[in-house]
Amino acid sequence: MKFVAFTIIYLLFFSNFIFAQTNSQLQNQQQDPSMLSPKSFNPKALIGKPFPIDQLKTINNTTISLDQLKGKPSLINFWFTTCMPCIAEMPTLNNIKSTMKDSVNFIAITHEDSKTVKTFFKKHSYIFTQIINNSFFIDSLYMQTFPVSMFLDRKGVITKIDGGIPFYINANNELAMSDGKEFIAILRKLLAQ
């Protein structure tokens, strides 16, 4: 069991490290526009723009529009069922949703189909509104590292993009996942605007 926990923590750390490296590379590329590939996930290019898709199909075969999200902030998490860092942060994301209740929209987006996601939910709890079959949208953003969390303001404009729940070194000098207070602070700031 300790090995499994260590492996999950290592994978989460590695995922956040990759995202940080990607952000660092993007910052360098923005200083030299000739280095920017048109096929790179570029979070900074999305900040300040409306969420780029208007219609979202849920796992329950209903549709959510961007207009329905307006009026309160949104946390949109990109994930998939075999992404270990995605799975490891789900309890923390569920706690964030339970803390913030209905004051915020909580959306999870995956490229996978309904059957795959429903099978996954037989073993795992993830209480966000689930958006499925979004390969085209995810691919259009050139996302290659998961999880990714986007924060939208009340108007549906992207204000921040993170690679997942942050990690820290605990009192035992071990890598540990945060309790999500950083995400809650971002959402509370968006609520106050």
N, C-alpha and C. Protein backbone atom coordinates (compact mmCIF):
# COMPACT_ATOMS: atom_id res chain seq x y z
N MET A 1 0.82 -1.19 0.00
CA MET A 1 0.00 0.00 0.00
C MET A 1 0.87 1.26 0.00
N LYS A 2 1.97 1.24 0.79
CA LYS A 2 2.87 2.39 0.81
C LYS A 2 3.46 2.63 -0.57
N PHE A 3 3.78 1.53 -1.29
CA PHE A 3 4.35 1.66 -2.62
C PHE A 3 3.35 2.34 -3.56
N VAL A 4 2.08 1.95 -3.48
CA VAL A 4 1.05 2.53 -4.33
C VAL A 4 0.90 4.02 -4.02
N ALA A 5 0.85 4.36 -2.73
CA ALA A 5 0.73 5.77 -2.34
C ALA A 5 1.94 6.57 -2.82
N PHE A 6 3.14 6.01 -2.65
CA PHE A 6 4.35 6.69 -3.11
C PHE A 6 4.30 6.88 -4.62
N THR A 7 3.87 5.84 -5.35
CA THR A 7 3.80 5.92 -6.81
C THR A 7 2.83 7.02 -7.24
N ILE A 8 1.67 7.09 -6.59
CA ILE A 8 0.69 8.12 -6.94
C ILE A 8 1.27 9.51 -6.67
N ILE A 9 1.89 9.67 -5.51
CA ILE A 9 2.48 10.98 -5.18
C ILE A 9 3.58 11.34 -6.18
N TYR A 10 4.40 10.35 -6.53
CA TYR A 10 5.46 10.61 -7.50
C TYR A 10 4.87 11.03 -8.84
N LEU A 11 3.84 10.32 -9.29
CA LEU A 11 3.22 10.66 -10.58
C LEU A 11 2.60 12.05 -10.54
N LEU A 12 1.97 12.40 -9.43
CA LEU A 12 1.40 13.73 -9.31
C LEU A 12 2.48 14.80 -9.35
N PHE A 13 3.55 14.55 -8.61
CA PHE A 13 4.66 15.49 -8.61
C PHE A 13 5.23 15.64 -10.02
N PHE A 14 5.43 14.51 -10.70
CA PHE A 14 5.99 14.53 -12.04
C PHE A 14 5.08 15.28 -13.00
N SER A 15 3.76 15.07 -12.87
CA SER A 15 2.80 15.77 -13.72
C SER A 15 2.88 17.28 -13.50
N ASN A 16 2.92 17.70 -12.22
CA ASN A 16 3.04 19.14 -11.94
C ASN A 16 4.38 19.68 -12.43
N PHE A 17 5.44 18.87 -12.33
CA PHE A 17 6.76 19.28 -12.81
C PHE A 17 6.70 19.51 -14.33
N ILE A 18 6.07 18.57 -15.05
CA ILE A 18 5.95 18.69 -16.51
C ILE A 18 5.17 19.96 -16.86
N PHE A 19 4.06 20.20 -16.14
CA PHE A 19 3.26 21.39 -16.43
C PHE A 19 4.07 22.65 -16.17
N ALA A 20 4.83 22.66 -15.07
CA ALA A 20 5.68 23.83 -14.76
C ALA A 20 6.72 24.03 -15.84
N GLN A 21 7.32 22.93 -16.32
CA GLN A 21 8.30 23.03 -17.40
C GLN A 21 7.65 23.57 -18.66
N THR A 22 6.43 23.09 -18.96
CA THR A 22 5.71 23.57 -20.15
C THR A 22 5.45 25.06 -20.03
N ASN A 23 4.99 25.50 -18.84
CA ASN A 23 4.76 26.94 -18.65
C ASN A 23 6.04 27.73 -18.81
N SER A 24 7.15 27.21 -18.28
CA SER A 24 8.44 27.88 -18.40
C SER A 24 8.85 27.99 -19.87
N GLN A 25 8.68 26.91 -20.61
CA GLN A 25 9.02 26.93 -22.04
C GLN A 25 8.14 27.93 -22.78
N LEU A 26 6.84 27.98 -22.40
CA LEU A 26 5.95 28.92 -23.06
C LEU A 26 6.35 30.36 -22.78
N GLN A 27 6.79 30.64 -21.54
CA GLN A 27 7.25 31.98 -21.23
C GLN A 27 8.46 32.34 -22.08
N ASN A 28 9.39 31.39 -22.23
CA ASN A 28 10.57 31.65 -23.07
C ASN A 28 10.17 31.85 -24.52
N GLN A 29 9.20 31.05 -24.98
CA GLN A 29 8.75 31.18 -26.36
C GLN A 29 8.08 32.52 -26.60
N GLN A 30 7.36 33.02 -25.59
CA GLN A 30 6.69 34.30 -25.76
C GLN A 30 7.70 35.44 -25.84
N GLN A 31 8.85 35.26 -25.23
CA GLN A 31 9.89 36.27 -25.37
C GLN A 31 10.49 36.23 -26.76
N ASP A 32 10.50 35.06 -27.39
CA ASP A 32 11.00 34.90 -28.74
C ASP A 32 9.90 34.25 -29.59
N PRO A 33 9.04 35.06 -30.23
CA PRO A 33 7.89 34.52 -30.96
C PRO A 33 8.26 33.49 -32.03
N SER A 34 9.47 33.52 -32.53
CA SER A 34 9.85 32.55 -33.56
C SER A 34 9.92 31.13 -33.01
N MET A 35 10.03 31.00 -31.66
CA MET A 35 10.11 29.67 -31.06
C MET A 35 8.74 29.07 -30.80
N LEU A 36 7.66 29.86 -30.87
CA LEU A 36 6.33 29.38 -30.53
C LEU A 36 5.77 28.51 -31.64
N SER A 37 5.53 27.25 -31.30
CA SER A 37 4.94 26.32 -32.25
C SER A 37 3.44 26.54 -32.29
N PRO A 38 2.84 26.50 -33.48
CA PRO A 38 1.39 26.65 -33.55
C PRO A 38 0.67 25.44 -32.95
N LYS A 39 1.40 24.39 -32.61
CA LYS A 39 0.79 23.19 -32.08
C LYS A 39 1.22 22.92 -30.64
N SER A 40 1.28 23.97 -29.84
CA SER A 40 1.64 23.86 -28.43
C SER A 40 0.48 24.37 -27.58
N PHE A 41 0.24 23.70 -26.45
CA PHE A 41 -0.73 24.22 -25.50
C PHE A 41 -0.16 25.51 -24.93
N ASN A 42 -0.89 26.59 -25.09
CA ASN A 42 -0.40 27.91 -24.69
C ASN A 42 -1.39 28.55 -23.72
N PRO A 43 -1.28 28.23 -22.43
CA PRO A 43 -2.23 28.79 -21.46
C PRO A 43 -2.30 30.31 -21.47
N LYS A 44 -1.17 30.97 -21.63
CA LYS A 44 -1.16 32.44 -21.58
C LYS A 44 -1.98 33.05 -22.72
N ALA A 45 -2.05 32.35 -23.84
CA ALA A 45 -2.83 32.87 -24.97
C ALA A 45 -4.33 32.79 -24.69
N LEU A 46 -4.74 31.95 -23.73
CA LEU A 46 -6.16 31.78 -23.41
C LEU A 46 -6.63 32.74 -22.30
N ILE A 47 -5.70 33.20 -21.47
CA ILE A 47 -6.06 34.08 -20.35
C ILE A 47 -6.66 35.38 -20.90
N GLY A 48 -7.78 35.77 -20.31
CA GLY A 48 -8.45 37.00 -20.72
C GLY A 48 -9.42 36.81 -21.87
N LYS A 49 -9.55 35.58 -22.35
CA LYS A 49 -10.48 35.29 -23.45
C LYS A 49 -11.64 34.45 -22.93
N PRO A 50 -12.79 34.55 -23.60
CA PRO A 50 -13.92 33.71 -23.21
C PRO A 50 -13.59 32.22 -23.38
N PHE A 51 -14.18 31.40 -22.54
CA PHE A 51 -14.01 29.96 -22.69
C PHE A 51 -14.37 29.60 -24.13
N PRO A 52 -13.48 28.87 -24.84
CA PRO A 52 -13.61 28.76 -26.30
C PRO A 52 -14.60 27.74 -26.84
N ILE A 53 -15.51 27.24 -26.04
CA ILE A 53 -16.52 26.34 -26.57
C ILE A 53 -17.86 26.73 -25.96
N ASP A 54 -18.90 26.75 -26.76
CA ASP A 54 -20.19 27.25 -26.30
C ASP A 54 -21.12 26.15 -25.81
N GLN A 55 -21.07 24.98 -26.42
CA GLN A 55 -21.98 23.89 -26.07
C GLN A 55 -21.19 22.71 -25.52
N LEU A 56 -21.58 22.22 -24.35
CA LEU A 56 -20.91 21.10 -23.70
C LEU A 56 -21.92 19.99 -23.47
N LYS A 57 -21.62 18.78 -23.93
CA LYS A 57 -22.52 17.64 -23.76
C LYS A 57 -22.14 16.87 -22.50
N THR A 58 -23.10 16.69 -21.60
CA THR A 58 -22.83 16.01 -20.34
C THR A 58 -22.96 14.50 -20.48
N ILE A 59 -22.51 13.81 -19.46
CA ILE A 59 -22.60 12.36 -19.41
C ILE A 59 -24.05 11.90 -19.39
N ASN A 60 -24.96 12.78 -18.94
CA ASN A 60 -26.40 12.46 -18.89
C ASN A 60 -27.12 12.86 -20.17
N ASN A 61 -26.35 13.16 -21.21
CA ASN A 61 -26.88 13.49 -22.53
C ASN A 61 -27.68 14.80 -22.55
N THR A 62 -27.31 15.71 -21.67
CA THR A 62 -27.88 17.06 -21.71
C THR A 62 -26.79 18.00 -22.22
N THR A 63 -27.16 19.22 -22.52
CA THR A 63 -26.19 20.19 -23.03
C THR A 63 -26.15 21.40 -22.09
N ILE A 64 -24.94 21.84 -21.81
CA ILE A 64 -24.72 23.06 -21.04
C ILE A 64 -24.12 24.08 -21.99
N SER A 65 -24.66 25.30 -21.95
CA SER A 65 -24.09 26.36 -22.79
C SER A 65 -23.23 27.28 -21.93
N LEU A 66 -22.36 28.00 -22.58
CA LEU A 66 -21.52 28.97 -21.87
C LEU A 66 -22.40 30.00 -21.17
N ASP A 67 -23.52 30.37 -21.77
CA ASP A 67 -24.43 31.33 -21.14
C ASP A 67 -24.95 30.81 -19.80
N GLN A 68 -25.15 29.49 -19.69
CA GLN A 68 -25.63 28.91 -18.43
C GLN A 68 -24.57 28.99 -17.33
N LEU A 69 -23.30 29.06 -17.70
CA LEU A 69 -22.23 29.16 -16.71
C LEU A 69 -22.04 30.58 -16.22
N LYS A 70 -22.50 31.55 -17.00
CA LYS A 70 -22.30 32.95 -16.64
C LYS A 70 -23.10 33.30 -15.39
N GLY A 71 -22.58 34.25 -14.63
CA GLY A 71 -23.24 34.68 -13.41
C GLY A 71 -22.51 34.21 -12.16
N LYS A 72 -21.71 33.15 -12.29
CA LYS A 72 -20.87 32.72 -11.19
C LYS A 72 -19.58 32.14 -11.75
N PRO A 73 -18.51 32.17 -10.95
CA PRO A 73 -17.23 31.63 -11.43
C PRO A 73 -17.33 30.14 -11.74
N SER A 74 -16.37 29.66 -12.52
CA SER A 74 -16.34 28.23 -12.87
C SER A 74 -14.93 27.68 -12.69
N LEU A 75 -14.87 26.44 -12.22
CA LEU A 75 -13.64 25.67 -12.21
C LEU A 75 -13.86 24.53 -13.20
N ILE A 76 -13.05 24.52 -14.26
CA ILE A 76 -13.16 23.49 -15.29
C ILE A 76 -11.90 22.64 -15.26
N ASN A 77 -12.09 21.35 -15.01
CA ASN A 77 -10.97 20.42 -14.87
C ASN A 77 -10.95 19.47 -16.06
N PHE A 78 -9.79 19.37 -16.73
CA PHE A 78 -9.60 18.45 -17.84
C PHE A 78 -8.91 17.20 -17.30
N TRP A 79 -9.43 16.03 -17.60
CA TRP A 79 -8.95 14.79 -17.02
C TRP A 79 -9.27 13.61 -17.94
N PHE A 80 -8.78 12.42 -17.57
CA PHE A 80 -9.23 11.17 -18.21
C PHE A 80 -9.03 10.02 -17.23
N THR A 81 -9.67 8.89 -17.51
CA THR A 81 -9.81 7.82 -16.53
C THR A 81 -8.53 7.05 -16.21
N THR A 82 -7.52 7.11 -17.05
CA THR A 82 -6.27 6.41 -16.76
C THR A 82 -5.14 7.37 -16.38
N CYS A 83 -5.49 8.60 -16.10
CA CYS A 83 -4.53 9.62 -15.67
C CYS A 83 -4.40 9.55 -14.16
N MET A 84 -3.31 8.97 -13.67
CA MET A 84 -3.13 8.79 -12.23
C MET A 84 -3.12 10.12 -11.46
N PRO A 85 -2.45 11.16 -11.94
CA PRO A 85 -2.53 12.45 -11.22
C PRO A 85 -3.96 12.99 -11.18
N CYS A 86 -4.72 12.77 -12.26
CA CYS A 86 -6.12 13.22 -12.28
C CYS A 86 -6.92 12.51 -11.19
N ILE A 87 -6.74 11.20 -11.10
CA ILE A 87 -7.47 10.40 -10.12
C ILE A 87 -7.07 10.80 -8.70
N ALA A 88 -5.79 11.01 -8.48
CA ALA A 88 -5.30 11.33 -7.14
C ALA A 88 -5.85 12.66 -6.62
N GLU A 89 -6.11 13.62 -7.53
CA GLU A 89 -6.61 14.91 -7.04
C GLU A 89 -8.13 14.97 -6.92
N MET A 90 -8.83 13.94 -7.36
CA MET A 90 -10.30 13.97 -7.31
C MET A 90 -10.88 14.16 -5.91
N PRO A 91 -10.36 13.48 -4.87
CA PRO A 91 -10.92 13.73 -3.53
C PRO A 91 -10.78 15.19 -3.11
N THR A 92 -9.66 15.81 -3.45
CA THR A 92 -9.46 17.22 -3.11
C THR A 92 -10.41 18.11 -3.91
N LEU A 93 -10.58 17.81 -5.18
CA LEU A 93 -11.52 18.58 -6.00
C LEU A 93 -12.95 18.41 -5.48
N ASN A 94 -13.31 17.19 -5.07
CA ASN A 94 -14.63 16.96 -4.48
C ASN A 94 -14.81 17.79 -3.21
N ASN A 95 -13.75 17.88 -2.38
CA ASN A 95 -13.83 18.67 -1.15
C ASN A 95 -13.98 20.16 -1.46
N ILE A 96 -13.30 20.62 -2.51
CA ILE A 96 -13.44 22.02 -2.93
C ILE A 96 -14.89 22.29 -3.32
N LYS A 97 -15.46 21.39 -4.10
CA LYS A 97 -16.86 21.55 -4.52
C LYS A 97 -17.79 21.54 -3.30
N SER A 98 -17.55 20.64 -2.36
CA SER A 98 -18.38 20.58 -1.15
C SER A 98 -18.25 21.85 -0.32
N THR A 99 -17.06 22.43 -0.29
CA THR A 99 -16.83 23.67 0.46
C THR A 99 -17.52 24.86 -0.21
N MET A 100 -17.37 24.96 -1.52
CA MET A 100 -17.90 26.12 -2.25
C MET A 100 -19.37 25.97 -2.63
N LYS A 101 -19.87 24.77 -2.56
CA LYS A 101 -21.27 24.43 -2.86
C LYS A 101 -21.69 24.95 -4.24
N ASP A 102 -22.86 25.55 -4.32
CA ASP A 102 -23.39 25.99 -5.61
C ASP A 102 -22.99 27.41 -5.98
N SER A 103 -22.04 28.00 -5.25
CA SER A 103 -21.62 29.37 -5.57
C SER A 103 -20.72 29.40 -6.80
N VAL A 104 -20.23 28.21 -7.22
CA VAL A 104 -19.30 28.07 -8.34
C VAL A 104 -19.78 26.93 -9.23
N ASN A 105 -19.57 27.06 -10.54
CA ASN A 105 -19.81 25.95 -11.46
C ASN A 105 -18.60 25.03 -11.41
N PHE A 106 -18.82 23.73 -11.27
CA PHE A 106 -17.74 22.75 -11.26
C PHE A 106 -17.95 21.80 -12.43
N ILE A 107 -17.07 21.90 -13.44
CA ILE A 107 -17.19 21.15 -14.68
C ILE A 107 -15.92 20.31 -14.88
N ALA A 108 -16.10 19.06 -15.28
CA ALA A 108 -14.97 18.20 -15.63
C ALA A 108 -15.13 17.78 -17.08
N ILE A 109 -14.06 17.89 -17.86
CA ILE A 109 -14.11 17.59 -19.29
C ILE A 109 -13.12 16.48 -19.62
N THR A 110 -13.60 15.48 -20.33
CA THR A 110 -12.75 14.37 -20.78
C THR A 110 -13.01 14.07 -22.25
N HIS A 111 -12.04 13.43 -22.87
CA HIS A 111 -12.20 13.01 -24.27
C HIS A 111 -12.93 11.67 -24.35
N GLU A 112 -13.14 11.02 -23.20
CA GLU A 112 -13.66 9.66 -23.21
C GLU A 112 -15.19 9.62 -23.33
N ASP A 113 -15.70 8.44 -23.68
CA ASP A 113 -17.13 8.27 -23.90
C ASP A 113 -17.86 7.94 -22.60
N SER A 114 -19.18 7.96 -22.68
CA SER A 114 -20.03 7.76 -21.52
C SER A 114 -19.79 6.41 -20.85
N LYS A 115 -19.68 5.36 -21.62
CA LYS A 115 -19.50 4.02 -21.06
C LYS A 115 -18.20 3.93 -20.26
N THR A 116 -17.12 4.46 -20.81
CA THR A 116 -15.82 4.44 -20.13
C THR A 116 -15.88 5.20 -18.81
N VAL A 117 -16.47 6.38 -18.85
CA VAL A 117 -16.54 7.22 -17.66
C VAL A 117 -17.46 6.61 -16.61
N LYS A 118 -18.61 6.09 -17.02
CA LYS A 118 -19.53 5.46 -16.06
C LYS A 118 -18.91 4.22 -15.41
N THR A 119 -18.15 3.45 -16.17
CA THR A 119 -17.44 2.30 -15.60
C THR A 119 -16.42 2.77 -14.56
N PHE A 120 -15.70 3.83 -14.88
CA PHE A 120 -14.73 4.41 -13.95
C PHE A 120 -15.41 4.84 -12.65
N PHE A 121 -16.60 5.42 -12.76
CA PHE A 121 -17.30 5.93 -11.58
C PHE A 121 -17.85 4.82 -10.67
N LYS A 122 -17.78 3.59 -11.10
CA LYS A 122 -18.16 2.49 -10.21
C LYS A 122 -17.13 2.31 -9.10
N LYS A 123 -15.90 2.80 -9.34
CA LYS A 123 -14.82 2.67 -8.35
C LYS A 123 -14.37 4.01 -7.78
N HIS A 124 -14.67 5.10 -8.47
CA HIS A 124 -14.17 6.42 -8.06
C HIS A 124 -15.31 7.43 -8.02
N SER A 125 -15.22 8.35 -7.09
CA SER A 125 -16.20 9.42 -6.98
C SER A 125 -15.60 10.71 -7.53
N TYR A 126 -16.35 11.36 -8.39
CA TYR A 126 -15.94 12.66 -8.92
C TYR A 126 -17.21 13.44 -9.16
N ILE A 127 -17.53 14.39 -8.29
CA ILE A 127 -18.86 14.99 -8.24
C ILE A 127 -19.04 16.24 -9.09
N PHE A 128 -18.07 16.56 -9.94
CA PHE A 128 -18.24 17.66 -10.88
C PHE A 128 -19.26 17.26 -11.95
N THR A 129 -19.84 18.24 -12.63
CA THR A 129 -20.65 17.96 -13.81
C THR A 129 -19.72 17.42 -14.88
N GLN A 130 -20.03 16.25 -15.41
CA GLN A 130 -19.12 15.56 -16.32
C GLN A 130 -19.47 15.82 -17.79
N ILE A 131 -18.48 16.33 -18.51
CA ILE A 131 -18.61 16.58 -19.95
C ILE A 131 -17.76 15.52 -20.65
N ILE A 132 -18.35 14.82 -21.60
CA ILE A 132 -17.68 13.68 -22.25
C ILE A 132 -17.49 13.94 -23.74
N ASN A 133 -16.75 13.03 -24.38
CA ASN A 133 -16.56 13.03 -25.84
C ASN A 133 -16.04 14.36 -26.38
N ASN A 134 -15.03 14.92 -25.74
CA ASN A 134 -14.52 16.22 -26.17
C ASN A 134 -13.11 16.15 -26.72
N SER A 135 -12.80 15.09 -27.44
CA SER A 135 -11.46 14.96 -28.05
C SER A 135 -11.14 16.13 -28.96
N PHE A 136 -12.11 16.51 -29.78
CA PHE A 136 -11.85 17.57 -30.75
C PHE A 136 -11.46 18.86 -30.04
N PHE A 137 -12.21 19.22 -28.99
CA PHE A 137 -11.92 20.45 -28.26
C PHE A 137 -10.57 20.38 -27.56
N ILE A 138 -10.31 19.28 -26.85
CA ILE A 138 -9.04 19.12 -26.13
C ILE A 138 -7.87 19.14 -27.12
N ASP A 139 -8.03 18.43 -28.23
CA ASP A 139 -6.97 18.42 -29.25
C ASP A 139 -6.76 19.80 -29.86
N SER A 140 -7.84 20.57 -29.99
CA SER A 140 -7.72 21.91 -30.58
C SER A 140 -6.89 22.84 -29.69
N LEU A 141 -6.82 22.53 -28.39
CA LEU A 141 -6.01 23.31 -27.47
C LEU A 141 -4.59 22.75 -27.35
N TYR A 142 -4.35 21.59 -27.96
CA TYR A 142 -3.04 20.90 -27.93
C TYR A 142 -2.61 20.52 -26.52
N MET A 143 -3.59 20.16 -25.69
CA MET A 143 -3.27 19.69 -24.34
C MET A 143 -2.59 18.33 -24.41
N GLN A 144 -1.47 18.21 -23.73
CA GLN A 144 -0.76 16.94 -23.70
C GLN A 144 -0.45 16.47 -22.29
N THR A 145 -0.57 17.36 -21.32
CA THR A 145 -0.30 17.04 -19.92
C THR A 145 -1.57 17.27 -19.11
N PHE A 146 -1.91 16.30 -18.29
CA PHE A 146 -3.13 16.37 -17.49
C PHE A 146 -2.79 16.06 -16.04
N PRO A 147 -3.59 16.56 -15.11
CA PRO A 147 -4.80 17.36 -15.26
C PRO A 147 -4.48 18.82 -15.57
N VAL A 148 -5.49 19.52 -16.07
CA VAL A 148 -5.43 20.96 -16.28
C VAL A 148 -6.70 21.54 -15.67
N SER A 149 -6.56 22.61 -14.91
CA SER A 149 -7.72 23.29 -14.34
C SER A 149 -7.76 24.72 -14.83
N MET A 150 -8.93 25.12 -15.34
CA MET A 150 -9.16 26.49 -15.81
C MET A 150 -10.15 27.16 -14.87
N PHE A 151 -9.87 28.42 -14.58
CA PHE A 151 -10.76 29.22 -13.74
C PHE A 151 -11.38 30.30 -14.61
N LEU A 152 -12.71 30.37 -14.58
CA LEU A 152 -13.45 31.36 -15.36
C LEU A 152 -14.13 32.34 -14.40
N ASP A 153 -14.18 33.60 -14.81
CA ASP A 153 -14.90 34.58 -14.01
C ASP A 153 -16.40 34.48 -14.29
N ARG A 154 -17.17 35.38 -13.72
CA ARG A 154 -18.63 35.33 -13.85
C ARG A 154 -19.11 35.54 -15.29
N LYS A 155 -18.25 36.10 -16.13
CA LYS A 155 -18.62 36.35 -17.52
C LYS A 155 -18.17 35.22 -18.45
N GLY A 156 -17.54 34.19 -17.89
CA GLY A 156 -17.07 33.07 -18.71
C GLY A 156 -15.70 33.30 -19.31
N VAL A 157 -14.96 34.28 -18.78
CA VAL A 157 -13.63 34.61 -19.28
C VAL A 157 -12.59 33.84 -18.46
N ILE A 158 -11.62 33.24 -19.13
CA ILE A 158 -10.56 32.47 -18.46
C ILE A 158 -9.63 33.44 -17.75
N THR A 159 -9.45 33.24 -16.44
CA THR A 159 -8.61 34.13 -15.65
C THR A 159 -7.30 33.46 -15.21
N LYS A 160 -7.31 32.13 -15.12
CA LYS A 160 -6.13 31.40 -14.65
C LYS A 160 -6.20 29.97 -15.14
N ILE A 161 -5.02 29.38 -15.40
CA ILE A 161 -4.92 27.97 -15.77
C ILE A 161 -3.82 27.34 -14.94
N ASP A 162 -4.15 26.23 -14.27
CA ASP A 162 -3.18 25.51 -13.44
C ASP A 162 -3.09 24.06 -13.90
N GLY A 163 -1.99 23.42 -13.52
CA GLY A 163 -1.76 22.03 -13.90
C GLY A 163 -2.33 21.02 -12.95
N GLY A 164 -2.91 21.43 -11.87
CA GLY A 164 -3.47 20.50 -10.90
C GLY A 164 -3.29 21.04 -9.50
N ILE A 165 -3.81 20.31 -8.54
CA ILE A 165 -3.68 20.70 -7.15
C ILE A 165 -2.19 20.75 -6.81
N PRO A 166 -1.73 21.85 -6.21
CA PRO A 166 -0.29 21.98 -5.90
C PRO A 166 0.19 20.97 -4.86
N PHE A 167 1.49 20.75 -4.86
CA PHE A 167 2.15 19.90 -3.87
C PHE A 167 3.03 20.75 -2.97
N TYR A 168 3.36 20.19 -1.81
CA TYR A 168 4.28 20.84 -0.89
C TYR A 168 5.06 19.77 -0.14
N ILE A 169 6.11 20.16 0.53
CA ILE A 169 6.89 19.25 1.38
C ILE A 169 6.33 19.37 2.79
N ASN A 170 5.83 18.25 3.34
CA ASN A 170 5.21 18.28 4.66
C ASN A 170 6.25 18.22 5.78
N ALA A 171 5.77 18.16 7.03
CA ALA A 171 6.66 18.16 8.20
C ALA A 171 7.59 16.95 8.24
N ASN A 172 7.20 15.87 7.59
CA ASN A 172 8.03 14.66 7.52
C ASN A 172 8.98 14.69 6.33
N ASN A 173 9.07 15.87 5.69
CA ASN A 173 9.94 16.04 4.53
C ASN A 173 9.51 15.15 3.35
N GLU A 174 8.20 14.95 3.24
CA GLU A 174 7.63 14.13 2.17
C GLU A 174 6.80 15.04 1.26
N LEU A 175 6.73 14.65 0.01
CA LEU A 175 5.90 15.37 -0.94
C LEU A 175 4.44 15.03 -0.67
N ALA A 176 3.60 16.04 -0.51
CA ALA A 176 2.19 15.82 -0.21
C ALA A 176 1.33 16.77 -1.02
N MET A 177 0.13 16.32 -1.36
CA MET A 177 -0.80 17.16 -2.09
C MET A 177 -1.44 18.16 -1.14
N SER A 178 -1.61 19.37 -1.60
CA SER A 178 -2.29 20.40 -0.84
C SER A 178 -3.74 19.99 -0.58
N ASP A 179 -4.36 20.67 0.36
CA ASP A 179 -5.77 20.41 0.64
C ASP A 179 -6.69 21.21 -0.28
N GLY A 180 -6.12 21.91 -1.25
CA GLY A 180 -6.92 22.66 -2.22
C GLY A 180 -7.16 24.11 -1.84
N LYS A 181 -6.53 24.57 -0.76
CA LYS A 181 -6.78 25.95 -0.31
C LYS A 181 -6.40 26.98 -1.36
N GLU A 182 -5.43 26.65 -2.22
CA GLU A 182 -5.02 27.59 -3.28
C GLU A 182 -6.16 27.77 -4.29
N PHE A 183 -6.81 26.67 -4.66
CA PHE A 183 -7.93 26.75 -5.60
C PHE A 183 -9.12 27.47 -4.97
N ILE A 184 -9.37 27.20 -3.68
CA ILE A 184 -10.47 27.87 -2.98
C ILE A 184 -10.22 29.37 -2.94
N ALA A 185 -8.98 29.79 -2.69
CA ALA A 185 -8.65 31.22 -2.65
C ALA A 185 -8.91 31.87 -4.01
N ILE A 186 -8.54 31.19 -5.08
CA ILE A 186 -8.79 31.73 -6.43
C ILE A 186 -10.29 31.89 -6.66
N LEU A 187 -11.07 30.87 -6.29
CA LEU A 187 -12.52 30.92 -6.50
C LEU A 187 -13.17 32.01 -5.64
N ARG A 188 -12.70 32.16 -4.40
CA ARG A 188 -13.27 33.21 -3.53
C ARG A 188 -12.95 34.60 -4.07
N LYS A 189 -11.77 34.75 -4.62
CA LYS A 189 -11.41 36.04 -5.24
C LYS A 189 -12.32 36.33 -6.44
N LEU A 190 -12.59 35.29 -7.24
CA LEU A 190 -13.49 35.47 -8.39
C LEU A 190 -14.92 35.78 -7.92
N LEU A 191 -15.34 35.18 -6.81
CA LEU A 191 -16.67 35.47 -6.26
C LEU A 191 -16.77 36.91 -5.79
N ALA A 192 -15.68 37.46 -5.30
CA ALA A 192 -15.68 38.82 -4.76
C ALA A 192 -15.68 39.88 -5.86
N GLN A 193 -15.37 39.50 -7.06
CA GLN A 193 -15.29 40.47 -8.17
C GLN A 193 -16.65 40.81 -8.71
